[in-house]
């Protein structure tokens, strides 16, 4: 992996679960690692659901494998450029060298068809 391609600073976050005084479950996001990453691609798709057009863009980040990043799963999220991304897939294309994660921005209102 070429260091020059790692030009995006991303923060990987994990949720911790706690309970409020009323018994409600509360999720708090905490930083797991902040790493330099490469923005590999952005691809998307659209589908119809309940007479509404729903679009989803997938953003892929590639970064170096480390002891801090090896724990990343789809239960984590990415913060990049002020936006929060849900992780939908984690891959290790080069064993103990590189990780790739596919992310989506949490859906907003669907577009009426």
PDB file of N, CA and C in Angstrom:
ATOM      1  N   UNK A   1       0.846  -1.176   0.000  1.00  0.00           N
ATOM      2  CA  UNK A   1       0.000   0.000   0.000  1.00  0.00           C
ATOM      3  C   UNK A   1       0.892   1.241   0.000  1.00  0.00           C
ATOM      4  N   UNK A   2       0.629   2.131  -0.930  1.00  0.00           N
ATOM      5  CA  UNK A   2       1.424   3.341  -1.044  1.00  0.00           C
ATOM      6  C   UNK A   2       0.926   4.406  -0.073  1.00  0.00           C
ATOM      7  N   UNK A   3       1.850   4.945   0.713  1.00  0.00           N
ATOM      8  CA  UNK A   3       1.487   5.938   1.721  1.00  0.00           C
ATOM      9  C   UNK A   3       0.841   7.175   1.107  1.00  0.00           C
ATOM     10  N   UNK A   4       1.251   7.540  -0.107  1.00  0.00           N
ATOM     11  CA  UNK A   4       0.712   8.728  -0.758  1.00  0.00           C
ATOM     12  C   UNK A   4      -0.775   8.646  -1.060  1.00  0.00           C
ATOM     13  N   UNK A   5      -1.306   7.446  -1.178  1.00  0.00           N
ATOM     14  CA  UNK A   5      -2.737   7.277  -1.449  1.00  0.00           C
ATOM     15  C   UNK A   5      -3.579   7.435  -0.183  1.00  0.00           C
ATOM     16  N   UNK A   6      -2.955   7.318   0.974  1.00  0.00           N
ATOM     17  CA  UNK A   6      -3.678   7.430   2.246  1.00  0.00           C
ATOM     18  C   UNK A   6      -3.797   8.914   2.601  1.00  0.00           C
ATOM     19  N   UNK A   7      -4.735   9.593   1.931  1.00  0.00           N
ATOM     20  CA  UNK A   7      -4.832  11.037   2.064  1.00  0.00           C
ATOM     21  C   UNK A   7      -6.113  11.511   2.760  1.00  0.00           C
ATOM     22  N   UNK A   8      -6.859  10.590   3.348  1.00  0.00           N
ATOM     23  CA  UNK A   8      -8.099  10.945   4.055  1.00  0.00           C
ATOM     24  C   UNK A   8      -7.967  10.514   5.513  1.00  0.00           C
ATOM     25  N   UNK A   9      -8.331  11.384   6.424  1.00  0.00           N
ATOM     26  CA  UNK A   9      -8.264  11.057   7.844  1.00  0.00           C
ATOM     27  C   UNK A   9      -9.659  10.623   8.282  1.00  0.00           C
ATOM     28  N   UNK A  10      -9.789   9.379   8.735  1.00  0.00           N
ATOM     29  CA  UNK A  10     -11.088   8.866   9.184  1.00  0.00           C
ATOM     30  C   UNK A  10     -10.978   8.424  10.635  1.00  0.00           C
ATOM     31  N   UNK A  11     -12.098   8.472  11.331  1.00  0.00           N
ATOM     32  CA  UNK A  11     -12.171   8.005  12.704  1.00  0.00           C
ATOM     33  C   UNK A  11     -13.122   6.821  12.749  1.00  0.00           C
ATOM     34  N   UNK A  12     -12.668   5.721  13.308  1.00  0.00           N
ATOM     35  CA  UNK A  12     -13.484   4.520  13.487  1.00  0.00           C
ATOM     36  C   UNK A  12     -14.045   4.560  14.896  1.00  0.00           C
ATOM     37  N   UNK A  13     -15.356   4.379  15.011  1.00  0.00           N
ATOM     38  CA  UNK A  13     -16.018   4.474  16.308  1.00  0.00           C
ATOM     39  C   UNK A  13     -16.792   3.199  16.626  1.00  0.00           C
ATOM     40  N   UNK A  14     -16.878   2.892  17.905  1.00  0.00           N
ATOM     41  CA  UNK A  14     -17.662   1.767  18.396  1.00  0.00           C
ATOM     42  C   UNK A  14     -18.682   2.254  19.406  1.00  0.00           C
ATOM     43  N   UNK A  15     -19.791   1.563  19.506  1.00  0.00           N
ATOM     44  CA  UNK A  15     -20.860   1.958  20.424  1.00  0.00           C
ATOM     45  C   UNK A  15     -20.735   1.209  21.744  1.00  0.00           C
ATOM     46  N   UNK A  16     -20.986   1.929  22.818  1.00  0.00           N
ATOM     47  CA  UNK A  16     -21.103   1.295  24.120  1.00  0.00           C
ATOM     48  C   UNK A  16     -22.548   1.463  24.569  1.00  0.00           C
ATOM     49  N   UNK A  17     -23.047   0.443  25.197  1.00  0.00           N
ATOM     50  CA  UNK A  17     -24.452   0.414  25.585  1.00  0.00           C
ATOM     51  C   UNK A  17     -24.558   0.664  27.085  1.00  0.00           C
ATOM     52  N   UNK A  18     -25.471   1.564  27.453  1.00  0.00           N
ATOM     53  CA  UNK A  18     -25.732   1.816  28.870  1.00  0.00           C
ATOM     54  C   UNK A  18     -27.240   1.964  29.047  1.00  0.00           C
ATOM     55  N   UNK A  19     -27.647   2.114  30.280  1.00  0.00           N
ATOM     56  CA  UNK A  19     -29.068   2.193  30.567  1.00  0.00           C
ATOM     57  C   UNK A  19     -29.344   3.471  31.343  1.00  0.00           C
ATOM     58  N   UNK A  20     -30.394   4.191  30.935  1.00  0.00           N
ATOM     59  CA  UNK A  20     -30.769   5.420  31.633  1.00  0.00           C
ATOM     60  C   UNK A  20     -31.495   5.055  32.926  1.00  0.00           C
ATOM     61  N   UNK A  21     -31.754   6.061  33.741  1.00  0.00           N
ATOM     62  CA  UNK A  21     -32.470   5.842  35.006  1.00  0.00           C
ATOM     63  C   UNK A  21     -33.863   5.270  34.774  1.00  0.00           C
ATOM     64  N   UNK A  22     -34.459   5.582  33.614  1.00  0.00           N
ATOM     65  CA  UNK A  22     -35.804   5.082  33.309  1.00  0.00           C
ATOM     66  C   UNK A  22     -35.767   3.696  32.663  1.00  0.00           C
ATOM     67  N   UNK A  23     -34.568   3.144  32.453  1.00  0.00           N
ATOM     68  CA  UNK A  23     -34.447   1.811  31.878  1.00  0.00           C
ATOM     69  C   UNK A  23     -34.246   1.777  30.377  1.00  0.00           C
ATOM     70  N   UNK A  24     -34.224   2.945  29.767  1.00  0.00           N
ATOM     71  CA  UNK A  24     -34.035   3.026  28.318  1.00  0.00           C
ATOM     72  C   UNK A  24     -32.570   2.745  27.969  1.00  0.00           C
ATOM     73  N   UNK A  25     -32.355   1.995  26.870  1.00  0.00           N
ATOM     74  CA  UNK A  25     -30.993   1.691  26.418  1.00  0.00           C
ATOM     75  C   UNK A  25     -30.450   2.889  25.655  1.00  0.00           C
ATOM     76  N   UNK A  26     -29.244   3.307  26.008  1.00  0.00           N
ATOM     77  CA  UNK A  26     -28.598   4.457  25.378  1.00  0.00           C
ATOM     78  C   UNK A  26     -27.285   3.989  24.769  1.00  0.00           C
ATOM     79  N   UNK A  27     -27.052   4.377  23.506  1.00  0.00           N
ATOM     80  CA  UNK A  27     -25.795   4.050  22.827  1.00  0.00           C
ATOM     81  C   UNK A  27     -24.936   5.306  22.766  1.00  0.00           C
ATOM     82  N   UNK A  28     -23.693   5.161  23.175  1.00  0.00           N
ATOM     83  CA  UNK A  28     -22.733   6.249  23.117  1.00  0.00           C
ATOM     84  C   UNK A  28     -21.579   5.805  22.232  1.00  0.00           C
ATOM     85  N   UNK A  29     -21.210   6.652  21.273  1.00  0.00           N
ATOM     86  CA  UNK A  29     -20.134   6.317  20.347  1.00  0.00           C
ATOM     87  C   UNK A  29     -18.814   6.841  20.886  1.00  0.00           C
ATOM     88  N   UNK A  30     -17.808   5.979  20.858  1.00  0.00           N
ATOM     89  CA  UNK A  30     -16.467   6.356  21.287  1.00  0.00           C
ATOM     90  C   UNK A  30     -15.454   5.999  20.218  1.00  0.00           C
ATOM     91  N   UNK A  31     -14.373   6.753  20.166  1.00  0.00           N
ATOM     92  CA  UNK A  31     -13.347   6.518  19.152  1.00  0.00           C
ATOM     93  C   UNK A  31     -12.558   5.249  19.444  1.00  0.00           C
ATOM     94  N   UNK A  32     -12.390   4.417  18.404  1.00  0.00           N
ATOM     95  CA  UNK A  32     -11.574   3.207  18.472  1.00  0.00           C
ATOM     96  C   UNK A  32     -10.191   3.499  17.903  1.00  0.00           C
ATOM     97  N   UNK A  33     -10.157   4.183  16.759  1.00  0.00           N
ATOM     98  CA  UNK A  33      -8.888   4.526  16.103  1.00  0.00           C
ATOM     99  C   UNK A  33      -9.126   5.647  15.105  1.00  0.00           C
ATOM    100  N   UNK A  34      -8.101   6.454  14.901  1.00  0.00           N
ATOM    101  CA  UNK A  34      -8.100   7.459  13.843  1.00  0.00           C
ATOM    102  C   UNK A  34      -6.940   7.102  12.927  1.00  0.00           C
ATOM    103  N   UNK A  35      -7.252   6.895  11.642  1.00  0.00           N
ATOM    104  CA  UNK A  35      -6.251   6.380  10.706  1.00  0.00           C
ATOM    105  C   UNK A  35      -6.274   7.175   9.406  1.00  0.00           C
ATOM    106  N   UNK A  36      -5.171   7.075   8.659  1.00  0.00           N
ATOM    107  CA  UNK A  36      -5.117   7.603   7.306  1.00  0.00           C
ATOM    108  C   UNK A  36      -5.668   6.538   6.367  1.00  0.00           C
ATOM    109  N   UNK A  37      -6.543   6.946   5.461  1.00  0.00           N
ATOM    110  CA  UNK A  37      -7.202   5.990   4.569  1.00  0.00           C
ATOM    111  C   UNK A  37      -7.237   6.522   3.144  1.00  0.00           C
ATOM    112  N   UNK A  38      -7.497   5.600   2.242  1.00  0.00           N
ATOM    113  CA  UNK A  38      -7.702   5.928   0.834  1.00  0.00           C
ATOM    114  C   UNK A  38      -9.183   5.786   0.536  1.00  0.00           C
ATOM    115  N   UNK A  39      -9.754   6.784  -0.105  1.00  0.00           N
ATOM    116  CA  UNK A  39     -11.136   6.695  -0.573  1.00  0.00           C
ATOM    117  C   UNK A  39     -11.078   5.966  -1.906  1.00  0.00           C
ATOM    118  N   UNK A  40     -11.511   4.697  -1.911  1.00  0.00           N
ATOM    119  CA  UNK A  40     -11.326   3.833  -3.075  1.00  0.00           C
ATOM    120  C   UNK A  40     -12.351   4.121  -4.152  1.00  0.00           C
ATOM    121  N   UNK A  41     -13.614   4.116  -3.799  1.00  0.00           N
ATOM    122  CA  UNK A  41     -14.645   4.310  -4.805  1.00  0.00           C
ATOM    123  C   UNK A  41     -15.945   4.705  -4.152  1.00  0.00           C
ATOM    124  N   UNK A  42     -16.827   5.205  -4.955  1.00  0.00           N
ATOM    125  CA  UNK A  42     -18.193   5.469  -4.516  1.00  0.00           C
ATOM    126  C   UNK A  42     -19.097   4.874  -5.583  1.00  0.00           C
ATOM    127  N   UNK A  43     -19.909   3.937  -5.173  1.00  0.00           N
ATOM    128  CA  UNK A  43     -20.849   3.321  -6.108  1.00  0.00           C
ATOM    129  C   UNK A  43     -22.225   3.346  -5.467  1.00  0.00           C
ATOM    130  N   UNK A  44     -23.231   3.170  -6.249  1.00  0.00           N
ATOM    131  CA  UNK A  44     -24.566   3.258  -5.686  1.00  0.00           C
ATOM    132  C   UNK A  44     -25.555   2.380  -6.398  1.00  0.00           C
ATOM    133  N   UNK A  45     -26.746   2.328  -5.830  1.00  0.00           N
ATOM    134  CA  UNK A  45     -27.837   1.599  -6.453  1.00  0.00           C
ATOM    135  C   UNK A  45     -29.154   2.225  -6.031  1.00  0.00           C
ATOM    136  N   UNK A  46     -30.191   1.900  -6.766  1.00  0.00           N
ATOM    137  CA  UNK A  46     -31.529   2.370  -6.450  1.00  0.00           C
ATOM    138  C   UNK A  46     -32.476   1.192  -6.516  1.00  0.00           C
ATOM    139  N   UNK A  47     -33.531   1.263  -5.710  1.00  0.00           N
ATOM    140  CA  UNK A  47     -34.545   0.213  -5.752  1.00  0.00           C
ATOM    141  C   UNK A  47     -35.883   0.821  -5.344  1.00  0.00           C
ATOM    142  N   UNK A  48     -36.956   0.137  -5.721  1.00  0.00           N
ATOM    143  CA  UNK A  48     -38.277   0.564  -5.317  1.00  0.00           C
ATOM    144  C   UNK A  48     -38.698  -0.235  -4.096  1.00  0.00           C
ATOM    145  N   UNK A  49     -39.272   0.432  -3.125  1.00  0.00           N
ATOM    146  CA  UNK A  49     -39.828  -0.220  -1.946  1.00  0.00           C
ATOM    147  C   UNK A  49     -41.046   0.589  -1.520  1.00  0.00           C
ATOM    148  N   UNK A  50     -42.172  -0.060  -1.429  1.00  0.00           N
ATOM    149  CA  UNK A  50     -43.422   0.589  -1.026  1.00  0.00           C
ATOM    150  C   UNK A  50     -43.708   1.843  -1.857  1.00  0.00           C
ATOM    151  N   UNK A  51     -43.592   1.710  -3.165  1.00  0.00           N
ATOM    152  CA  UNK A  51     -43.867   2.782  -4.126  1.00  0.00           C
ATOM    153  C   UNK A  51     -42.967   3.992  -3.932  1.00  0.00           C
ATOM    154  N   UNK A  52     -41.779   3.784  -3.379  1.00  0.00           N
ATOM    155  CA  UNK A  52     -40.819   4.863  -3.196  1.00  0.00           C
ATOM    156  C   UNK A  52     -39.470   4.437  -3.742  1.00  0.00           C
ATOM    157  N   UNK A  53     -38.767   5.368  -4.328  1.00  0.00           N
ATOM    158  CA  UNK A  53     -37.438   5.111  -4.842  1.00  0.00           C
ATOM    159  C   UNK A  53     -36.431   5.342  -3.725  1.00  0.00           C
ATOM    160  N   UNK A  54     -35.656   4.301  -3.439  1.00  0.00           N
ATOM    161  CA  UNK A  54     -34.673   4.390  -2.367  1.00  0.00           C
ATOM    162  C   UNK A  54     -33.294   4.214  -2.983  1.00  0.00           C
ATOM    163  N   UNK A  55     -32.426   5.185  -2.801  1.00  0.00           N
ATOM    164  CA  UNK A  55     -31.074   5.126  -3.327  1.00  0.00           C
ATOM    165  C   UNK A  55     -30.073   4.948  -2.202  1.00  0.00           C
ATOM    166  N   UNK A  56     -28.986   4.256  -2.505  1.00  0.00           N
ATOM    167  CA  UNK A  56     -27.961   4.046  -1.501  1.00  0.00           C
ATOM    168  C   UNK A  56     -26.598   4.139  -2.171  1.00  0.00           C
ATOM    169  N   UNK A  57     -25.760   5.015  -1.676  1.00  0.00           N
ATOM    170  CA  UNK A  57     -24.403   5.158  -2.191  1.00  0.00           C
ATOM    171  C   UNK A  57     -23.453   4.431  -1.250  1.00  0.00           C
ATOM    172  N   UNK A  58     -22.540   3.659  -1.819  1.00  0.00           N
ATOM    173  CA  UNK A  58     -21.566   2.922  -1.027  1.00  0.00           C
ATOM    174  C   UNK A  58     -20.206   3.581  -1.205  1.00  0.00           C
ATOM    175  N   UNK A  59     -19.563   3.898  -0.110  1.00  0.00           N
ATOM    176  CA  UNK A  59     -18.235   4.484  -0.099  1.00  0.00           C
ATOM    177  C   UNK A  59     -17.281   3.468   0.500  1.00  0.00           C
ATOM    178  N   UNK A  60     -16.145   3.247  -0.156  1.00  0.00           N
ATOM    179  CA  UNK A  60     -15.161   2.274   0.314  1.00  0.00           C
ATOM    180  C   UNK A  60     -13.899   2.995   0.769  1.00  0.00           C
ATOM    181  N   UNK A  61     -13.455   2.650   1.983  1.00  0.00           N
ATOM    182  CA  UNK A  61     -12.209   3.171   2.521  1.00  0.00           C
ATOM    183  C   UNK A  61     -11.225   2.021   2.660  1.00  0.00           C
ATOM    184  N   UNK A  62      -9.955   2.271   2.312  1.00  0.00           N
ATOM    185  CA  UNK A  62      -8.889   1.281   2.464  1.00  0.00           C
ATOM    186  C   UNK A  62      -7.827   1.885   3.380  1.00  0.00           C
ATOM    187  N   UNK A  63      -7.364   1.089   4.356  1.00  0.00           N
ATOM    188  CA  UNK A  63      -6.355   1.578   5.289  1.00  0.00           C
ATOM    189  C   UNK A  63      -5.519   0.421   5.808  1.00  0.00           C
ATOM    190  N   UNK A  64      -4.459   0.746   6.523  1.00  0.00           N
ATOM    191  CA  UNK A  64      -3.543  -0.274   7.019  1.00  0.00           C
ATOM    192  C   UNK A  64      -4.152  -1.044   8.187  1.00  0.00           C
ATOM    193  N   UNK A  65      -3.910  -2.324   8.184  1.00  0.00           N
ATOM    194  CA  UNK A  65      -4.284  -3.222   9.273  1.00  0.00           C
ATOM    195  C   UNK A  65      -3.407  -2.897  10.474  1.00  0.00           C
ATOM    196  N   UNK A  66      -3.982  -2.888  11.658  1.00  0.00           N
ATOM    197  CA  UNK A  66      -3.214  -2.694  12.894  1.00  0.00           C
ATOM    198  C   UNK A  66      -3.956  -3.379  14.037  1.00  0.00           C
ATOM    199  N   UNK A  67      -3.337  -3.429  15.189  1.00  0.00           N
ATOM    200  CA  UNK A  67      -4.005  -4.051  16.337  1.00  0.00           C
ATOM    201  C   UNK A  67      -5.262  -3.270  16.716  1.00  0.00           C
ATOM    202  N   UNK A  68      -5.272  -1.965  16.476  1.00  0.00           N
ATOM    203  CA  UNK A  68      -6.455  -1.154  16.789  1.00  0.00           C
ATOM    204  C   UNK A  68      -7.573  -1.360  15.779  1.00  0.00           C
ATOM    205  N   UNK A  69      -7.210  -1.600  14.505  1.00  0.00           N
ATOM    206  CA  UNK A  69      -8.238  -1.708  13.460  1.00  0.00           C
ATOM    207  C   UNK A  69      -8.713  -3.132  13.212  1.00  0.00           C
ATOM    208  N   UNK A  70      -8.005  -4.125  13.733  1.00  0.00           N
ATOM    209  CA  UNK A  70      -8.402  -5.510  13.459  1.00  0.00           C
ATOM    210  C   UNK A  70      -9.737  -5.872  14.101  1.00  0.00           C
ATOM    211  N   UNK A  71     -10.217  -5.072  15.039  1.00  0.00           N
ATOM    212  CA  UNK A  71     -11.479  -5.361  15.730  1.00  0.00           C
ATOM    213  C   UNK A  71     -12.693  -4.767  15.019  1.00  0.00           C
ATOM    214  N   UNK A  72     -12.491  -4.056  13.911  1.00  0.00           N
ATOM    215  CA  UNK A  72     -13.587  -3.357  13.240  1.00  0.00           C
ATOM    216  C   UNK A  72     -14.561  -4.353  12.621  1.00  0.00           C
ATOM    217  N   UNK A  73     -15.847  -4.145  12.894  1.00  0.00           N
ATOM    218  CA  UNK A  73     -16.923  -4.973  12.343  1.00  0.00           C
ATOM    219  C   UNK A  73     -18.034  -4.053  11.826  1.00  0.00           C
ATOM    220  N   UNK A  74     -19.114  -4.651  11.380  1.00  0.00           N
ATOM    221  CA  UNK A  74     -20.254  -3.866  10.897  1.00  0.00           C
ATOM    222  C   UNK A  74     -21.008  -3.184  12.046  1.00  0.00           C
ATOM    223  N   UNK A  75     -20.623  -3.458  13.274  1.00  0.00           N
ATOM    224  CA  UNK A  75     -21.242  -2.781  14.419  1.00  0.00           C
ATOM    225  C   UNK A  75     -20.559  -1.451  14.727  1.00  0.00           C
ATOM    226  N   UNK A  76     -19.487  -1.156  14.010  1.00  0.00           N
ATOM    227  CA  UNK A  76     -18.776   0.108  14.163  1.00  0.00           C
ATOM    228  C   UNK A  76     -19.269   1.102  13.119  1.00  0.00           C
ATOM    229  N   UNK A  77     -18.748   2.318  13.175  1.00  0.00           N
ATOM    230  CA  UNK A  77     -19.064   3.323  12.159  1.00  0.00           C
ATOM    231  C   UNK A  77     -17.816   4.145  11.863  1.00  0.00           C
ATOM    232  N   UNK A  78     -17.893   4.925  10.785  1.00  0.00           N
ATOM    233  CA  UNK A  78     -16.790   5.781  10.349  1.00  0.00           C
ATOM    234  C   UNK A  78     -17.261   7.231  10.392  1.00  0.00           C
ATOM    235  N   UNK A  79     -16.394   8.098  10.846  1.00  0.00           N
ATOM    236  CA  UNK A  79     -16.652   9.529  10.752  1.00  0.00           C
ATOM    237  C   UNK A  79     -15.592  10.092   9.817  1.00  0.00           C
ATOM    238  N   UNK A  80     -16.048  10.704   8.734  1.00  0.00           N
ATOM    239  CA  UNK A  80     -15.146  11.282   7.743  1.00  0.00           C
ATOM    240  C   UNK A  80     -15.730  12.593   7.248  1.00  0.00           C
ATOM    241  N   UNK A  81     -14.941  13.621   7.279  1.00  0.00           N
ATOM    242  CA  UNK A  81     -15.330  14.922   6.752  1.00  0.00           C
ATOM    243  C   UNK A  81     -16.646  15.413   7.367  1.00  0.00           C
ATOM    244  N   UNK A  82     -16.824  15.166   8.660  1.00  0.00           N
ATOM    245  CA  UNK A  82     -18.013  15.633   9.366  1.00  0.00           C
ATOM    246  C   UNK A  82     -19.255  14.782   9.191  1.00  0.00           C
ATOM    247  N   UNK A  83     -19.164  13.682   8.431  1.00  0.00           N
ATOM    248  CA  UNK A  83     -20.315  12.793   8.209  1.00  0.00           C
ATOM    249  C   UNK A  83     -20.094  11.455   8.881  1.00  0.00           C
ATOM    250  N   UNK A  84     -21.175  10.859   9.325  1.00  0.00           N
ATOM    251  CA  UNK A  84     -21.125   9.531   9.927  1.00  0.00           C
ATOM    252  C   UNK A  84     -21.570   8.511   8.889  1.00  0.00           C
ATOM    253  N   UNK A  85     -20.817   7.420   8.782  1.00  0.00           N
ATOM    254  CA  UNK A  85     -21.088   6.355   7.826  1.00  0.00           C
ATOM    255  C   UNK A  85     -21.288   5.041   8.575  1.00  0.00           C
ATOM    256  N   UNK A  86     -22.311   4.289   8.195  1.00  0.00           N
ATOM    257  CA  UNK A  86     -22.515   2.948   8.734  1.00  0.00           C
ATOM    258  C   UNK A  86     -21.658   1.975   7.943  1.00  0.00           C
ATOM    259  N   UNK A  87     -20.977   1.072   8.630  1.00  0.00           N
ATOM    260  CA  UNK A  87     -20.159   0.062   7.958  1.00  0.00           C
ATOM    261  C   UNK A  87     -21.056  -1.108   7.581  1.00  0.00           C
ATOM    262  N   UNK A  88     -21.029  -1.489   6.292  1.00  0.00           N
ATOM    263  CA  UNK A  88     -21.854  -2.600   5.819  1.00  0.00           C
ATOM    264  C   UNK A  88     -21.025  -3.828   5.451  1.00  0.00           C
ATOM    265  N   UNK A  89     -19.710  -3.669   5.283  1.00  0.00           N
ATOM    266  CA  UNK A  89     -18.858  -4.810   4.959  1.00  0.00           C
ATOM    267  C   UNK A  89     -17.414  -4.490   5.343  1.00  0.00           C
ATOM    268  N   UNK A  90     -16.706  -5.512   5.844  1.00  0.00           N
ATOM    269  CA  UNK A  90     -15.289  -5.385   6.194  1.00  0.00           C
ATOM    270  C   UNK A  90     -14.543  -6.512   5.504  1.00  0.00           C
ATOM    271  N   UNK A  91     -13.469  -6.156   4.772  1.00  0.00           N
ATOM    272  CA  UNK A  91     -12.659  -7.155   4.075  1.00  0.00           C
ATOM    273  C   UNK A  91     -11.190  -6.965   4.423  1.00  0.00           C
ATOM    274  N   UNK A  92     -10.442  -8.059   4.338  1.00  0.00           N
ATOM    275  CA  UNK A  92      -9.003  -8.037   4.562  1.00  0.00           C
ATOM    276  C   UNK A  92      -8.325  -8.604   3.307  1.00  0.00           C
ATOM    277  N   UNK A  93      -8.194  -7.798   2.234  1.00  0.00           N
ATOM    278  CA  UNK A  93      -7.674  -8.321   0.961  1.00  0.00           C
ATOM    279  C   UNK A  93      -6.227  -8.816   1.049  1.00  0.00           C
ATOM    280  N   UNK A  94      -5.425  -8.172   1.851  1.00  0.00           N
ATOM    281  CA  UNK A  94      -4.054  -8.622   2.072  1.00  0.00           C
ATOM    282  C   UNK A  94      -3.919  -8.909   3.559  1.00  0.00           C
ATOM    283  N   UNK A  95      -3.798 -10.177   3.883  1.00  0.00           N
ATOM    284  CA  UNK A  95      -3.812 -10.635   5.274  1.00  0.00           C
ATOM    285  C   UNK A  95      -2.839  -9.852   6.148  1.00  0.00           C
ATOM    286  N   UNK A  96      -3.402  -9.280   7.205  1.00  0.00           N
ATOM    287  CA  UNK A  96      -2.650  -8.497   8.192  1.00  0.00           C
ATOM    288  C   UNK A  96      -1.847  -7.348   7.588  1.00  0.00           C
ATOM    289  N   UNK A  97      -2.362  -6.845   6.466  1.00  0.00           N
ATOM    290  CA  UNK A  97      -1.703  -5.723   5.810  1.00  0.00           C
ATOM    291  C   UNK A  97      -2.681  -4.589   5.528  1.00  0.00           C
ATOM    292  N   UNK A  98      -3.849  -4.955   4.980  1.00  0.00           N
ATOM    293  CA  UNK A  98      -4.824  -3.964   4.530  1.00  0.00           C
ATOM    294  C   UNK A  98      -6.234  -4.360   4.956  1.00  0.00           C
ATOM    295  N   UNK A  99      -7.045  -3.361   5.291  1.00  0.00           N
ATOM    296  CA  UNK A  99      -8.477  -3.556   5.512  1.00  0.00           C
ATOM    297  C   UNK A  99      -9.231  -2.645   4.558  1.00  0.00           C
ATOM    298  N   UNK A 100     -10.357  -3.129   4.063  1.00  0.00           N
ATOM    299  CA  UNK A 100     -11.270  -2.326   3.253  1.00  0.00           C
ATOM    300  C   UNK A 100     -12.636  -2.398   3.904  1.00  0.00           C
ATOM    301  N   UNK A 101     -13.293  -1.255   4.000  1.00  0.00           N
ATOM    302  CA  UNK A 101     -14.640  -1.231   4.558  1.00  0.00           C
ATOM    303  C   UNK A 101     -15.570  -0.500   3.596  1.00  0.00           C
ATOM    304  N   UNK A 102     -16.739  -1.094   3.385  1.00  0.00           N
ATOM    305  CA  UNK A 102     -17.799  -0.455   2.603  1.00  0.00           C
ATOM    306  C   UNK A 102     -18.736   0.217   3.584  1.00  0.00           C
ATOM    307  N   UNK A 103     -19.092   1.457   3.284  1.00  0.00           N
ATOM    308  CA  UNK A 103     -19.935   2.241   4.189  1.00  0.00           C
ATOM    309  C   UNK A 103     -21.076   2.902   3.428  1.00  0.00           C
ATOM    310  N   UNK A 104     -22.132   3.198   4.156  1.00  0.00           N
ATOM    311  CA  UNK A 104     -23.236   3.979   3.609  1.00  0.00           C
ATOM    312  C   UNK A 104     -23.569   5.081   4.604  1.00  0.00           C
ATOM    313  N   UNK A 105     -24.099   6.158   4.087  1.00  0.00           N
ATOM    314  CA  UNK A 105     -24.614   7.202   4.957  1.00  0.00           C
ATOM    315  C   UNK A 105     -25.994   6.742   5.401  1.00  0.00           C
ATOM    316  N   UNK A 106     -26.317   6.836   6.693  1.00  0.00           N
ATOM    317  CA  UNK A 106     -27.653   6.394   7.124  1.00  0.00           C
ATOM    318  C   UNK A 106     -28.741   7.045   6.292  1.00  0.00           C
ATOM    319  N   UNK A 107     -29.737   6.230   5.908  1.00  0.00           N
ATOM    320  CA  UNK A 107     -30.755   6.712   4.979  1.00  0.00           C
ATOM    321  C   UNK A 107     -31.552   7.865   5.551  1.00  0.00           C
ATOM    322  N   UNK A 108     -31.923   8.700   4.621  1.00  0.00           N
ATOM    323  CA  UNK A 108     -32.775   9.824   4.950  1.00  0.00           C
ATOM    324  C   UNK A 108     -34.146   9.534   4.353  1.00  0.00           C
ATOM    325  N   UNK A 109     -34.925  10.545   4.129  1.00  0.00           N
ATOM    326  CA  UNK A 109     -36.260  10.358   3.589  1.00  0.00           C
ATOM    327  C   UNK A 109     -36.219   9.778   2.180  1.00  0.00           C
ATOM    328  N   UNK A 110     -36.999   8.723   1.888  1.00  0.00           N
ATOM    329  CA  UNK A 110     -37.055   8.208   0.524  1.00  0.00           C
ATOM    330  C   UNK A 110     -37.711   9.217  -0.416  1.00  0.00           C
ATOM    331  N   UNK A 111     -37.366   9.109  -1.686  1.00  0.00           N
ATOM    332  CA  UNK A 111     -37.932   9.989  -2.711  1.00  0.00           C
ATOM    333  C   UNK A 111     -39.196   9.339  -3.241  1.00  0.00           C
ATOM    334  N   UNK A 112     -40.298  10.088  -3.269  1.00  0.00           N
ATOM    335  CA  UNK A 112     -41.557   9.534  -3.784  1.00  0.00           C
ATOM    336  C   UNK A 112     -41.437   9.251  -5.263  1.00  0.00           C
ATOM    337  N   UNK A 113     -41.954   8.092  -5.670  1.00  0.00           N
ATOM    338  CA  UNK A 113     -41.849   7.691  -7.085  1.00  0.00           C
ATOM    339  C   UNK A 113     -43.030   8.193  -7.865  1.00  0.00           C
TER     340      UNK A 113
END
